[in-house]
Amino acid sequence: MKKIIDNFSTQAKTYKKYRPVYPKTFYDALLNLTDNKDACWDCGTGNGQVASVLSKYFKTVSATDISDTQLQQAVPIENVRYSQQRAEETNFKSNTFDLITVAQAAHWFDFDAFYNEVNRVAKKNAILAIWGYELLYITPEIDAIINTFYTEIVGPYWSFERKHIDTHYDSIGFPFTEIKLAKDYEIKTELSLSDLEGYFNSWSSVQNYIRQKKENPVNQLINEIRPLWEQNETKIVSYPLFTKIGKITR
């Protein structure tokens, strides 16, 4: 089985503060796919962002992550059970879950082993929903600066698995009957320049760069963006979502 990769414990607090929030309309689309709402598994839950939303709709939510540091950032909720487990090998009973979700985490998994575990713990006709978000969009001028930073400055410091985000998960394989949502979704939020700086500092590639080069590349990035960002201004930032959603028919 693939070696465990934990790229987020170091910046767990920053990751929690600046991670984009998925829109309610997207959750509504997922929830419409599931007739039964007894049990949900949020795999790779991180700080429990998705689990906390799903707890409003399911009787129980099991939320797992390999990072205990990330799990410590999660807010306790009565019907959410957090546990430190790897995605590919859990202690859950077979035929347990109506919905299994993986938000911006599947690229770290051993895909075949994870899919086998999904087949084991999912109920018949359960839904597996895997999703992620693309590089952010702000304005054409700012986007060009960010794209250069993403590909050339910190590009070599991304883990190999990051390529699966760039391919919108088309490279991870998906052995289930795929479901396409009726429309595309995106995260839209307002950020200050300080917020944007915090978000970039949550990137694993930035943390890898800092560890190796002993300097923070985000400082120069923000200096390049600052002339295009008025003082105390907030800008609309968009993150298009991509999905792999399937029904477990087995």
C-alpha atoms as a PDB file:
ATOM      1  CA  MET A   1       0.000   0.000   0.000  1.00  0.00           C
ATOM      2  CA  LYS A   2       1.138   3.547  -0.734  1.00  0.00           C
ATOM      3  CA  LYS A   3       3.132   5.318   1.973  1.00  0.00           C
ATOM      4  CA  ILE A   4       1.149   7.828   4.044  1.00  0.00           C
ATOM      5  CA  ILE A   5       1.701  11.441   2.964  1.00  0.00           C
ATOM      6  CA  ASP A   6       0.947  14.255   5.417  1.00  0.00           C
ATOM      7  CA  ASN A   7       1.625  17.693   3.951  1.00  0.00           C
ATOM      8  CA  PHE A   8      -0.678  19.766   6.139  1.00  0.00           C
ATOM      9  CA  SER A   9       0.044  19.152   9.824  1.00  0.00           C
ATOM     10  CA  THR A  10       2.731  21.846   9.839  1.00  0.00           C
ATOM     11  CA  GLN A  11       0.346  24.613   8.744  1.00  0.00           C
ATOM     12  CA  ALA A  12      -2.895  23.127  10.141  1.00  0.00           C
ATOM     13  CA  LYS A  13      -4.111  26.382  11.730  1.00  0.00           C
ATOM     14  CA  THR A  14      -3.350  28.411   8.600  1.00  0.00           C
ATOM     15  CA  TYR A  15      -5.010  25.768   6.430  1.00  0.00           C
ATOM     16  CA  LYS A  16      -8.178  25.903   8.525  1.00  0.00           C
ATOM     17  CA  LYS A  17      -8.340  29.701   8.474  1.00  0.00           C
ATOM     18  CA  TYR A  18      -7.828  30.186   4.746  1.00  0.00           C
ATOM     19  CA  ARG A  19      -9.234  27.075   3.070  1.00  0.00           C
ATOM     20  CA  PRO A  20     -12.003  28.014   0.580  1.00  0.00           C
ATOM     21  CA  VAL A  21     -15.591  27.247   1.627  1.00  0.00           C
ATOM     22  CA  TYR A  22     -17.790  25.213  -0.734  1.00  0.00           C
ATOM     23  CA  PRO A  23     -21.115  26.808  -1.740  1.00  0.00           C
ATOM     24  CA  LYS A  24     -24.414  25.579  -0.318  1.00  0.00           C
ATOM     25  CA  THR A  25     -25.774  25.040  -3.828  1.00  0.00           C
ATOM     26  CA  PHE A  26     -23.031  22.466  -4.418  1.00  0.00           C
ATOM     27  CA  TYR A  27     -23.900  20.587  -1.241  1.00  0.00           C
ATOM     28  CA  ASP A  28     -27.567  20.687  -2.238  1.00  0.00           C
ATOM     29  CA  ALA A  29     -26.724  19.031  -5.550  1.00  0.00           C
ATOM     30  CA  LEU A  30     -24.834  16.240  -3.752  1.00  0.00           C
ATOM     31  CA  LEU A  31     -27.578  15.718  -1.194  1.00  0.00           C
ATOM     32  CA  ASN A  32     -30.163  15.377  -3.958  1.00  0.00           C
ATOM     33  CA  LEU A  33     -28.293  12.270  -5.143  1.00  0.00           C
ATOM     34  CA  THR A  34     -28.800  10.390  -1.874  1.00  0.00           C
ATOM     35  CA  ASP A  35     -32.232   9.088  -0.890  1.00  0.00           C
ATOM     36  CA  ASN A  36     -31.092   7.760   2.486  1.00  0.00           C
ATOM     37  CA  LYS A  37     -29.265   9.968   4.953  1.00  0.00           C
ATOM     38  CA  ASP A  38     -28.412   7.652   7.804  1.00  0.00           C
ATOM     39  CA  ALA A  39     -24.621   7.584   7.646  1.00  0.00           C
ATOM     40  CA  CYS A  40     -21.942   9.540   5.804  1.00  0.00           C
ATOM     41  CA  TRP A  41     -18.159   9.144   5.706  1.00  0.00           C
ATOM     42  CA  ASP A  42     -16.107  12.279   5.052  1.00  0.00           C
ATOM     43  CA  CYS A  43     -12.696  10.907   4.146  1.00  0.00           C
ATOM     44  CA  GLY A  44      -9.661  13.172   4.355  1.00  0.00           C
ATOM     45  CA  THR A  45     -11.755  15.501   6.479  1.00  0.00           C
ATOM     46  CA  GLY A  46      -8.847  17.700   7.561  1.00  0.00           C
ATOM     47  CA  ASN A  47     -10.313  20.160  10.043  1.00  0.00           C
ATOM     48  CA  GLY A  48     -13.856  18.883   9.506  1.00  0.00           C
ATOM     49  CA  GLN A  49     -15.067  21.615   7.165  1.00  0.00           C
ATOM     50  CA  VAL A  50     -17.229  19.326   5.028  1.00  0.00           C
ATOM     51  CA  ALA A  51     -18.202  17.023   7.904  1.00  0.00           C
ATOM     52  CA  SER A  52     -19.667  19.930   9.853  1.00  0.00           C
ATOM     53  CA  VAL A  53     -21.959  20.825   6.947  1.00  0.00           C
ATOM     54  CA  LEU A  54     -23.045  17.236   6.312  1.00  0.00           C
ATOM     55  CA  SER A  55     -23.833  16.762  10.007  1.00  0.00           C
ATOM     56  CA  LYS A  56     -26.920  18.920   9.468  1.00  0.00           C
ATOM     57  CA  TYR A  57     -28.358  16.366   7.037  1.00  0.00           C
ATOM     58  CA  PHE A  58     -27.142  12.922   8.165  1.00  0.00           C
ATOM     59  CA  LYS A  59     -27.887  11.084  11.397  1.00  0.00           C
ATOM     60  CA  THR A  60     -24.195  10.295  11.816  1.00  0.00           C
ATOM     61  CA  VAL A  61     -21.042  11.482  10.068  1.00  0.00           C
ATOM     62  CA  SER A  62     -17.755   9.604  10.376  1.00  0.00           C
ATOM     63  CA  ALA A  63     -14.869  11.953   9.602  1.00  0.00           C
ATOM     64  CA  THR A  64     -11.360  10.565   9.132  1.00  0.00           C
ATOM     65  CA  ASP A  65      -7.927  11.953   8.426  1.00  0.00           C
ATOM     66  CA  ILE A  66      -4.335  10.760   8.757  1.00  0.00           C
ATOM     67  CA  SER A  67      -3.306  13.996  10.491  1.00  0.00           C
ATOM     68  CA  ASP A  68      -4.096  14.198  14.187  1.00  0.00           C
ATOM     69  CA  THR A  69      -2.961  17.829  14.108  1.00  0.00           C
ATOM     70  CA  GLN A  70      -5.616  18.606  11.511  1.00  0.00           C
ATOM     71  CA  LEU A  71      -8.292  16.723  13.458  1.00  0.00           C
ATOM     72  CA  GLN A  72      -7.480  18.771  16.548  1.00  0.00           C
ATOM     73  CA  GLN A  73      -8.620  21.842  14.594  1.00  0.00           C
ATOM     74  CA  ALA A  74     -12.095  20.344  14.061  1.00  0.00           C
ATOM     75  CA  VAL A  75     -15.075  21.704  15.992  1.00  0.00           C
ATOM     76  CA  PRO A  76     -16.757  18.992  18.108  1.00  0.00           C
ATOM     77  CA  ILE A  77     -20.273  18.195  16.863  1.00  0.00           C
ATOM     78  CA  GLU A  78     -22.592  15.723  18.568  1.00  0.00           C
ATOM     79  CA  ASN A  79     -23.255  13.489  15.565  1.00  0.00           C
ATOM     80  CA  VAL A  80     -19.759  13.693  14.014  1.00  0.00           C
ATOM     81  CA  ARG A  81     -17.237  11.035  15.004  1.00  0.00           C
ATOM     82  CA  TYR A  82     -13.683  12.061  14.219  1.00  0.00           C
ATOM     83  CA  SER A  83     -10.950   9.433  14.002  1.00  0.00           C
ATOM     84  CA  GLN A  84      -7.375   9.188  12.780  1.00  0.00           C
ATOM     85  CA  GLN A  85      -7.429   6.558  10.046  1.00  0.00           C
ATOM     86  CA  ARG A  86      -6.020   6.204   6.573  1.00  0.00           C
ATOM     87  CA  ALA A  87      -8.457   6.233   3.687  1.00  0.00           C
ATOM     88  CA  GLU A  88      -7.534   2.806   2.378  1.00  0.00           C
ATOM     89  CA  GLU A  89      -7.975   0.819   5.589  1.00  0.00           C
ATOM     90  CA  THR A  90     -10.635   1.748   8.146  1.00  0.00           C
ATOM     91  CA  ASN A  91     -12.317   0.043  11.084  1.00  0.00           C
ATOM     92  CA  PHE A  92     -15.814   0.723   9.765  1.00  0.00           C
ATOM     93  CA  LYS A  93     -18.281  -2.124   9.338  1.00  0.00           C
ATOM     94  CA  SER A  94     -19.187  -3.252   5.843  1.00  0.00           C
ATOM     95  CA  ASN A  95     -22.302  -1.810   4.168  1.00  0.00           C
ATOM     96  CA  THR A  96     -22.417   1.251   6.426  1.00  0.00           C
ATOM     97  CA  PHE A  97     -22.508   4.480   4.431  1.00  0.00           C
ATOM     98  CA  ASP A  98     -25.055   6.179   2.172  1.00  0.00           C
ATOM     99  CA  LEU A  99     -22.629   8.892   1.061  1.00  0.00           C
ATOM    100  CA  ILE A 100     -18.825   8.999   0.997  1.00  0.00           C
ATOM    101  CA  THR A 101     -17.171  12.370   0.375  1.00  0.00           C
ATOM    102  CA  VAL A 102     -13.578  13.346  -0.365  1.00  0.00           C
ATOM    103  CA  ALA A 103     -12.885  17.073  -0.713  1.00  0.00           C
ATOM    104  CA  GLN A 104      -9.519  18.167  -2.141  1.00  0.00           C
ATOM    105  CA  ALA A 105      -7.807  15.053  -0.747  1.00  0.00           C
ATOM    106  CA  ALA A 106      -8.214  12.065  -3.072  1.00  0.00           C
ATOM    107  CA  HIS A 107      -4.977  12.788  -4.933  1.00  0.00           C
ATOM    108  CA  TRP A 108      -3.020  11.666  -1.842  1.00  0.00           C
ATOM    109  CA  PHE A 109      -4.663   8.233  -1.712  1.00  0.00           C
ATOM    110  CA  ASP A 110      -3.676   4.811  -2.965  1.00  0.00           C
ATOM    111  CA  PHE A 111      -6.538   4.792  -5.450  1.00  0.00           C
ATOM    112  CA  ASP A 112      -7.090   1.068  -5.941  1.00  0.00           C
ATOM    113  CA  ALA A 113      -6.922   0.352  -2.209  1.00  0.00           C
ATOM    114  CA  PHE A 114      -9.273   3.240  -1.451  1.00  0.00           C
ATOM    115  CA  TYR A 115     -11.807   2.139  -4.043  1.00  0.00           C
ATOM    116  CA  ASN A 116     -11.742  -1.370  -2.576  1.00  0.00           C
ATOM    117  CA  GLU A 117     -12.460   0.114   0.845  1.00  0.00           C
ATOM    118  CA  VAL A 118     -15.285   2.204  -0.613  1.00  0.00           C
ATOM    119  CA  ASN A 119     -16.851  -0.930  -2.082  1.00  0.00           C
ATOM    120  CA  ARG A 120     -16.609  -2.611   1.307  1.00  0.00           C
ATOM    121  CA  VAL A 121     -18.055   0.106   3.554  1.00  0.00           C
ATOM    122  CA  ALA A 122     -20.639   1.622   1.179  1.00  0.00           C
ATOM    123  CA  LYS A 123     -24.223   0.465   1.064  1.00  0.00           C
ATOM    124  CA  LYS A 124     -25.530  -0.723  -2.277  1.00  0.00           C
ATOM    125  CA  ASN A 125     -26.370   2.298  -4.455  1.00  0.00           C
ATOM    126  CA  ALA A 126     -24.476   4.639  -2.150  1.00  0.00           C
ATOM    127  CA  ILE A 127     -22.831   7.719  -3.639  1.00  0.00           C
ATOM    128  CA  LEU A 128     -19.101   8.426  -3.743  1.00  0.00           C
ATOM    129  CA  ALA A 129     -18.418  12.136  -4.281  1.00  0.00           C
ATOM    130  CA  ILE A 130     -14.829  13.223  -4.870  1.00  0.00           C
ATOM    131  CA  TRP A 131     -14.088  16.843  -5.689  1.00  0.00           C
ATOM    132  CA  GLY A 132     -11.460  19.529  -5.755  1.00  0.00           C
ATOM    133  CA  TYR A 133     -10.960  23.093  -6.864  1.00  0.00           C
ATOM    134  CA  GLU A 134      -8.811  24.716  -9.523  1.00  0.00           C
ATOM    135  CA  LEU A 135      -6.292  27.496  -9.162  1.00  0.00           C
ATOM    136  CA  LEU A 136      -8.042  30.704  -8.169  1.00  0.00           C
ATOM    137  CA  TYR A 137      -9.114  33.488 -10.550  1.00  0.00           C
ATOM    138  CA  ILE A 138      -9.186  37.191  -9.639  1.00  0.00           C
ATOM    139  CA  THR A 139      -8.377  39.491 -12.596  1.00  0.00           C
ATOM    140  CA  PRO A 140      -6.390  38.738 -15.765  1.00  0.00           C
ATOM    141  CA  GLU A 141      -3.389  40.782 -14.593  1.00  0.00           C
ATOM    142  CA  ILE A 142      -3.279  39.211 -11.144  1.00  0.00           C
ATOM    143  CA  ASP A 143      -4.003  35.750 -12.542  1.00  0.00           C
ATOM    144  CA  ALA A 144      -0.930  35.977 -14.780  1.00  0.00           C
ATOM    145  CA  ILE A 145       1.280  36.732 -11.775  1.00  0.00           C
ATOM    146  CA  ILE A 146      -0.244  33.880  -9.767  1.00  0.00           C
ATOM    147  CA  ASN A 147       0.102  31.421 -12.657  1.00  0.00           C
ATOM    148  CA  THR A 148       3.816  32.203 -12.936  1.00  0.00           C
ATOM    149  CA  PHE A 149       4.214  31.736  -9.192  1.00  0.00           C
ATOM    150  CA  TYR A 150       2.267  28.455  -9.292  1.00  0.00           C
ATOM    151  CA  THR A 151       4.162  26.897 -12.181  1.00  0.00           C
ATOM    152  CA  GLU A 152       7.651  28.403 -12.041  1.00  0.00           C
ATOM    153  CA  ILE A 153       8.388  29.555  -8.490  1.00  0.00           C
ATOM    154  CA  VAL A 154       6.749  26.888  -6.323  1.00  0.00           C
ATOM    155  CA  GLY A 155       5.978  24.473  -9.165  1.00  0.00           C
ATOM    156  CA  PRO A 156       9.025  22.271  -8.442  1.00  0.00           C
ATOM    157  CA  TYR A 157       8.036  22.129  -4.765  1.00  0.00           C
ATOM    158  CA  TRP A 158       4.615  20.573  -5.259  1.00  0.00           C
ATOM    159  CA  SER A 159       4.351  16.883  -4.472  1.00  0.00           C
ATOM    160  CA  PHE A 160       3.969  14.553  -7.453  1.00  0.00           C
ATOM    161  CA  GLU A 161       0.316  14.023  -6.524  1.00  0.00           C
ATOM    162  CA  ARG A 162      -0.546  17.631  -7.304  1.00  0.00           C
ATOM    163  CA  LYS A 163      -0.734  16.721 -10.995  1.00  0.00           C
ATOM    164  CA  HIS A 164      -4.074  15.020 -10.284  1.00  0.00           C
ATOM    165  CA  ILE A 165      -5.539  18.402  -9.315  1.00  0.00           C
ATOM    166  CA  ASP A 166      -4.232  19.902 -12.550  1.00  0.00           C
ATOM    167  CA  THR A 167      -5.966  17.134 -14.542  1.00  0.00           C
ATOM    168  CA  HIS A 168      -9.219  17.674 -12.609  1.00  0.00           C
ATOM    169  CA  TYR A 169      -8.887  14.102 -11.287  1.00  0.00           C
ATOM    170  CA  ASP A 170      -9.127  12.614 -14.762  1.00  0.00           C
ATOM    171  CA  SER A 171      -5.840  10.842 -13.945  1.00  0.00           C
ATOM    172  CA  ILE A 172      -6.954   9.001 -10.795  1.00  0.00           C
ATOM    173  CA  GLY A 173      -9.163   6.377 -12.418  1.00  0.00           C
ATOM    174  CA  PHE A 174     -12.773   5.950 -11.348  1.00  0.00           C
ATOM    175  CA  PRO A 175     -14.271   2.432 -11.416  1.00  0.00           C
ATOM    176  CA  PHE A 176     -17.856   3.466 -10.686  1.00  0.00           C
ATOM    177  CA  THR A 177     -20.891   4.493 -12.707  1.00  0.00           C
ATOM    178  CA  GLU A 178     -20.150   8.182 -13.085  1.00  0.00           C
ATOM    179  CA  ILE A 179     -22.745  10.870 -12.435  1.00  0.00           C
ATOM    180  CA  LYS A 180     -22.447  14.336 -13.940  1.00  0.00           C
ATOM    181  CA  LEU A 181     -24.035  17.225 -12.079  1.00  0.00           C
ATOM    182  CA  ALA A 182     -26.513  19.337 -14.031  1.00  0.00           C
ATOM    183  CA  LYS A 183     -24.310  22.435 -13.823  1.00  0.00           C
ATOM    184  CA  ASP A 184     -20.813  23.565 -12.929  1.00  0.00           C
ATOM    185  CA  TYR A 185     -20.070  25.044  -9.532  1.00  0.00           C
ATOM    186  CA  GLU A 186     -17.448  27.388  -8.180  1.00  0.00           C
ATOM    187  CA  ILE A 187     -16.402  28.888  -4.886  1.00  0.00           C
ATOM    188  CA  LYS A 188     -16.778  32.658  -4.835  1.00  0.00           C
ATOM    189  CA  THR A 189     -15.472  34.698  -1.933  1.00  0.00           C
ATOM    190  CA  GLU A 190     -14.170  38.160  -1.102  1.00  0.00           C
ATOM    191  CA  LEU A 191     -10.570  38.393   0.051  1.00  0.00           C
ATOM    192  CA  SER A 192      -8.318  41.172   1.221  1.00  0.00           C
ATOM    193  CA  LEU A 193      -4.694  41.108   0.132  1.00  0.00           C
ATOM    194  CA  SER A 194      -3.822  39.868   3.622  1.00  0.00           C
ATOM    195  CA  ASP A 195      -6.318  37.010   3.234  1.00  0.00           C
ATOM    196  CA  LEU A 196      -4.788  36.124  -0.119  1.00  0.00           C
ATOM    197  CA  GLU A 197      -1.342  36.042   1.452  1.00  0.00           C
ATOM    198  CA  GLY A 198      -2.618  33.718   4.174  1.00  0.00           C
ATOM    199  CA  TYR A 199      -4.145  31.399   1.583  1.00  0.00           C
ATOM    200  CA  PHE A 200      -0.880  31.120  -0.337  1.00  0.00           C
ATOM    201  CA  ASN A 201       0.954  30.353   2.893  1.00  0.00           C
ATOM    202  CA  SER A 202      -1.356  27.357   3.396  1.00  0.00           C
ATOM    203  CA  TRP A 203      -0.022  25.733   0.201  1.00  0.00           C
ATOM    204  CA  SER A 204       2.128  22.663   0.807  1.00  0.00           C
ATOM    205  CA  SER A 205       4.470  23.768  -1.999  1.00  0.00           C
ATOM    206  CA  VAL A 206       5.146  27.046  -0.196  1.00  0.00           C
ATOM    207  CA  GLN A 207       5.947  25.201   3.019  1.00  0.00           C
ATOM    208  CA  ASN A 208       8.265  22.851   1.105  1.00  0.00           C
ATOM    209  CA  TYR A 209       9.979  25.869  -0.485  1.00  0.00           C
ATOM    210  CA  ILE A 210      10.466  27.509   2.927  1.00  0.00           C
ATOM    211  CA  ARG A 211      11.933  24.324   4.411  1.00  0.00           C
ATOM    212  CA  GLN A 212      14.415  23.932   1.581  1.00  0.00           C
ATOM    213  CA  LYS A 213      15.364  27.548   0.803  1.00  0.00           C
ATOM    214  CA  LYS A 214      14.828  29.171   4.221  1.00  0.00           C
ATOM    215  CA  GLU A 215      12.813  32.032   2.765  1.00  0.00           C
ATOM    216  CA  ASN A 216       9.158  32.635   1.983  1.00  0.00           C
ATOM    217  CA  PRO A 217       8.376  33.080  -1.742  1.00  0.00           C
ATOM    218  CA  VAL A 218       4.944  34.509  -0.917  1.00  0.00           C
ATOM    219  CA  ASN A 219       6.550  37.773   0.193  1.00  0.00           C
ATOM    220  CA  GLN A 220       7.739  38.544  -3.336  1.00  0.00           C
ATOM    221  CA  LEU A 221       4.442  37.372  -4.842  1.00  0.00           C
ATOM    222  CA  ILE A 222       2.452  39.783  -2.684  1.00  0.00           C
ATOM    223  CA  ASN A 223       4.852  42.603  -3.552  1.00  0.00           C
ATOM    224  CA  GLU A 224       4.096  41.983  -7.240  1.00  0.00           C
ATOM    225  CA  ILE A 225       0.338  41.920  -6.669  1.00  0.00           C
ATOM    226  CA  ARG A 226       0.181  44.919  -4.308  1.00  0.00           C
ATOM    227  CA  PRO A 227       0.288  47.630  -7.053  1.00  0.00           C
ATOM    228  CA  LEU A 228      -2.848  46.017  -8.529  1.00  0.00           C
ATOM    229  CA  TRP A 229      -4.691  45.961  -5.203  1.00  0.00           C
ATOM    230  CA  GLU A 230      -5.834  49.174  -3.545  1.00  0.00           C
ATOM    231  CA  GLN A 231      -5.251  49.593   0.170  1.00  0.00           C
ATOM    232  CA  ASN A 232      -8.052  48.044   2.295  1.00  0.00           C
ATOM    233  CA  GLU A 233      -9.688  46.693  -0.873  1.00  0.00           C
ATOM    234  CA  THR A 234     -11.341  43.296  -1.125  1.00  0.00           C
ATOM    235  CA  LYS A 235     -11.685  41.466  -4.426  1.00  0.00           C
ATOM    236  CA  ILE A 236     -13.939  38.661  -5.620  1.00  0.00           C
ATOM    237  CA  VAL A 237     -11.950  35.444  -5.905  1.00  0.00           C
ATOM    238  CA  SER A 238     -13.246  32.378  -7.775  1.00  0.00           C
ATOM    239  CA  TYR A 239     -12.207  28.730  -7.522  1.00  0.00           C
ATOM    240  CA  PRO A 240     -13.941  26.495 -10.111  1.00  0.00           C
ATOM    241  CA  LEU A 241     -14.863  23.059  -8.759  1.00  0.00           C
ATOM    242  CA  PHE A 242     -14.392  19.715 -10.509  1.00  0.00           C
ATOM    243  CA  THR A 243     -15.938  16.399  -9.499  1.00  0.00           C
ATOM    244  CA  LYS A 244     -15.826  12.643  -9.772  1.00  0.00           C
ATOM    245  CA  ILE A 245     -19.174  11.353  -8.539  1.00  0.00           C
ATOM    246  CA  GLY A 246     -20.387   7.794  -8.839  1.00  0.00           C
ATOM    247  CA  LYS A 247     -22.931   5.268  -7.652  1.00  0.00           C
ATOM    248  CA  ILE A 248     -21.623   2.111  -5.975  1.00  0.00           C
ATOM    249  CA  THR A 249     -23.787  -0.557  -7.617  1.00  0.00           C
ATOM    250  CA  ARG A 250     -21.462  -3.584  -7.245  1.00  0.00           C
END
